[in-house]
Protein backbone atom coordinates (compact mmCIF):
# COMPACT_ATOMS: atom_id res chain seq x y z
CA LEU A 1 -0.01 -0.03 -0.01
CA PRO A 2 1.29 3.42 -0.62
CA ALA A 3 2.41 5.49 2.41
CA GLY A 4 -0.24 8.10 3.72
CA PRO A 5 0.52 11.72 3.68
CA LYS A 6 3.17 13.12 5.99
CA PRO A 7 2.20 16.05 8.28
CA GLU A 8 4.30 18.49 6.25
CA ASP A 9 2.80 17.34 2.92
CA LEU A 10 0.64 19.94 1.04
CA PHE A 11 -3.11 19.53 1.82
CA ILE A 12 -4.48 22.48 -0.31
CA MET A 13 -3.21 25.78 -1.74
CA LEU A 14 -5.74 28.64 -0.89
CA TYR A 15 -5.49 32.15 -2.39
CA THR A 16 -6.31 35.22 -0.39
CA SER A 17 -5.65 38.89 -0.66
CA GLY A 18 -6.16 39.47 3.03
CA SER A 19 -6.06 43.16 3.88
CA THR A 20 -3.42 43.85 1.22
CA GLY A 21 -5.60 43.56 -1.99
CA THR A 22 -2.77 41.56 -3.54
CA PRO A 23 -3.53 37.93 -4.00
CA LYS A 24 -1.18 35.44 -2.45
CA GLY A 25 -1.09 31.56 -2.17
CA CYS A 26 -1.33 30.06 1.25
CA GLN A 27 0.07 26.43 1.52
CA ILE A 28 -2.00 24.51 3.96
CA GLU A 29 -0.36 21.30 5.11
CA HIS A 30 -1.98 18.24 6.57
CA ARG A 31 -0.65 19.11 10.05
CA ASN A 32 -2.25 22.53 9.89
CA LEU A 33 -5.69 20.96 9.17
CA VAL A 34 -5.37 18.34 11.75
CA ALA A 35 -4.19 20.78 14.42
CA TYR A 36 -7.16 23.06 13.56
CA ALA A 37 -9.68 20.20 13.70
CA HIS A 38 -8.36 19.18 17.14
CA GLY A 39 -8.53 22.90 18.26
CA VAL A 40 -12.27 23.24 17.35
CA ARG A 41 -13.41 19.73 18.35
CA ASN A 42 -14.98 20.80 21.71
CA ASP A 43 -16.48 24.17 20.54
CA PHE A 44 -17.57 23.87 16.97
CA CYS A 45 -17.22 20.57 15.30
CA THR A 46 -18.23 17.73 17.76
CA LYS A 47 -19.10 14.21 16.77
CA ASN A 48 -22.74 15.01 17.49
CA ASP A 49 -22.92 18.27 15.33
CA ARG A 50 -24.43 18.80 11.89
CA ILE A 51 -22.44 21.49 10.42
CA GLY A 52 -24.05 23.63 7.70
CA ALA A 53 -21.40 23.90 4.87
CA TYR A 54 -22.04 27.39 3.64
CA ALA A 55 -18.51 28.39 2.35
CA SER A 56 -17.47 27.70 -1.25
CA PHE A 57 -14.60 25.09 -1.75
CA GLY A 58 -12.03 27.85 -2.54
CA PHE A 59 -12.62 29.79 0.66
CA ASP A 60 -10.60 28.84 3.88
CA VAL A 61 -13.79 28.45 5.86
CA ASN A 62 -14.68 25.32 3.82
CA MET A 63 -11.76 23.52 5.58
CA GLU A 64 -13.67 24.01 8.79
CA ASP A 65 -17.07 23.19 7.29
CA VAL A 66 -16.11 20.00 5.64
CA PHE A 67 -12.68 18.60 6.79
CA CYS A 68 -12.88 19.52 10.48
CA THR A 69 -16.46 18.25 10.73
CA LEU A 70 -15.45 14.94 9.19
CA LEU A 71 -12.25 14.55 11.14
CA ASN A 72 -14.17 14.97 14.42
CA GLY A 73 -17.00 12.47 13.41
CA GLY A 74 -19.68 15.02 12.68
CA THR A 75 -22.14 15.35 9.82
CA VAL A 76 -21.69 17.81 7.00
CA CYS A 77 -25.09 19.30 5.72
CA LEU A 78 -24.47 20.68 2.19
CA ILE A 79 -26.60 23.81 1.72
CA PRO A 80 -28.51 23.89 -1.55
CA GLU A 81 -27.24 26.46 -3.88
CA GLU A 82 -30.72 28.03 -4.27
CA ALA A 83 -30.95 28.62 -0.45
CA ARG A 84 -27.44 30.26 -0.04
CA MET A 85 -28.56 33.85 -0.87
CA ASP A 86 -32.04 33.58 0.45
CA LEU A 87 -32.05 33.93 4.29
CA GLY A 88 -35.61 32.56 4.66
CA ALA A 89 -34.75 29.45 2.66
CA LEU A 90 -31.52 29.20 4.48
CA ALA A 91 -33.28 29.26 7.95
CA ALA A 92 -35.88 26.74 6.76
CA TYR A 93 -32.99 24.41 5.60
CA PHE A 94 -31.25 24.66 8.93
CA ASP A 95 -34.34 23.61 10.72
CA GLU A 96 -35.24 20.90 8.16
CA ALA A 97 -31.71 19.42 8.12
CA GLY A 98 -31.15 19.81 11.80
CA VAL A 99 -28.17 22.00 11.40
CA THR A 100 -26.57 22.61 14.92
CA ALA A 101 -23.59 24.89 14.07
CA LEU A 102 -22.15 26.91 11.12
CA LEU A 103 -19.86 29.67 10.25
CA LEU A 104 -21.16 32.66 8.11
CA THR A 105 -19.28 35.73 6.86
CA THR A 106 -19.95 38.76 9.11
CA GLN A 107 -22.35 40.53 6.70
CA VAL A 108 -24.51 37.56 6.08
CA GLY A 109 -24.40 36.47 9.77
CA VAL A 110 -25.60 39.82 11.15
CA GLN A 111 -28.39 39.95 8.69
CA PHE A 112 -29.38 36.38 9.50
CA ILE A 113 -29.55 36.94 13.28
CA GLN A 114 -31.53 40.11 12.74
CA ASN A 115 -34.14 38.16 10.69
CA TYR A 116 -33.93 34.68 12.24
CA PRO A 117 -33.03 34.99 15.90
CA ARG A 118 -34.90 31.74 16.88
CA LEU A 119 -34.32 28.31 15.29
CA LYS A 120 -35.12 24.75 16.39
CA THR A 121 -31.72 23.04 16.17
CA LEU A 122 -29.11 25.61 15.74
CA ARG A 123 -26.94 25.94 18.79
CA LEU A 124 -23.92 28.06 17.44
CA LEU A 125 -23.43 30.59 14.71
CA ILE A 126 -19.82 31.94 14.45
CA MET A 127 -19.51 35.06 12.25
CA GLY A 128 -16.19 35.95 10.84
CA GLY A 129 -14.15 37.58 7.97
CA GLU A 130 -14.30 41.16 9.11
CA LYS A 131 -14.93 43.15 12.29
CA LEU A 132 -18.22 42.09 13.95
CA PRO A 133 -20.28 45.08 14.93
CA ALA A 134 -21.95 45.23 18.39
CA VAL A 135 -24.86 42.77 18.52
CA ASP A 136 -27.31 42.02 21.32
CA PRO A 137 -27.75 38.24 21.90
CA ALA A 138 -30.66 38.72 24.38
CA ASP A 139 -33.38 37.36 22.23
CA ILE A 140 -31.37 34.88 20.16
CA SER A 141 -32.02 31.24 20.82
CA TYR A 142 -28.57 30.06 19.83
CA THR A 143 -25.06 31.16 20.75
CA ILE A 144 -23.43 33.73 18.49
CA ALA A 145 -19.69 34.07 18.35
CA ASN A 146 -17.03 36.23 16.66
CA GLY A 147 -14.51 33.98 14.85
CA TYR A 148 -11.10 35.31 13.89
CA GLY A 149 -8.35 33.71 11.80
CA PRO A 150 -6.25 34.36 8.71
CA THR A 151 -6.16 31.92 5.87
CA GLU A 152 -2.39 31.49 6.47
CA ASN A 153 -3.46 29.51 9.66
CA CYS A 154 -5.83 27.20 7.71
CA CYS A 155 -8.93 29.08 8.89
CA GLY A 156 -9.54 30.31 12.52
CA VAL A 157 -7.30 30.93 15.39
CA SER A 158 -9.75 32.29 18.07
CA MET A 159 -13.45 32.56 18.93
CA PHE A 160 -15.36 34.77 21.34
CA PRO A 161 -18.83 33.63 22.34
CA ILE A 162 -21.02 36.60 22.83
CA HIS A 163 -23.33 36.01 25.96
CA ALA A 164 -24.00 39.80 26.81
CA TRP A 165 -24.07 43.19 24.95
CA GLU A 166 -20.37 43.84 23.81
CA PRO A 167 -19.89 47.39 22.38
CA ASN A 168 -16.39 46.30 20.93
CA VAL A 169 -16.48 42.59 20.27
CA PRO A 170 -13.11 40.99 21.15
CA ILE A 171 -11.56 38.21 18.93
CA GLY A 172 -11.39 35.81 21.92
CA GLN A 173 -9.05 33.33 23.20
CA PRO A 174 -6.87 31.11 20.77
CA PHE A 175 -8.04 27.61 20.30
CA PRO A 176 -6.29 24.94 22.40
CA THR A 177 -3.93 23.98 19.54
CA ILE A 178 -2.97 27.62 18.68
CA HIS A 179 -0.62 29.96 20.54
CA GLY A 180 -1.48 33.72 20.57
CA TYR A 181 1.17 36.38 21.20
CA VAL A 182 0.67 40.05 21.76
CA LEU A 183 3.83 41.62 20.33
CA ASP A 184 3.16 45.33 20.85
CA ARG A 185 0.32 47.86 21.33
């Protein structure tokens, strides 16, 4: 049998412009993905979760939606293309498919919680990709969280669950497999 991939072998090449506007390739190795999957297994992707796969394959969040979910024994729920840009259809799909957690871009996520604050099965909605404005979680039936992480790190590095009004939402604590350093002001 052929040998399996080594930790340092390339898993995928993702392209991002980040905040620079200049596209660059980010090499994600097998060890990056495995470390990330272990880091989110208690917060986002548990073996009991049904994760809504909203992100397209070329977006770093897809690593979390699909591969972290599968590596942790969860179920991937592929969102039908016709529901992706229709918030009502998206909410109906989440309830119908029993989606328990997902990650949405900040703009879509904020619109979603404003229009659909109560769902049957959703327990966690992480929003990321840009600064999350202040949101009030008081009337929302699921936990909302601010996710942060550059593509260079596979996807996310930290998460901040929002349990009360936060005028300036923090990026949160690093996941257990990530080290965070404050280098200056």
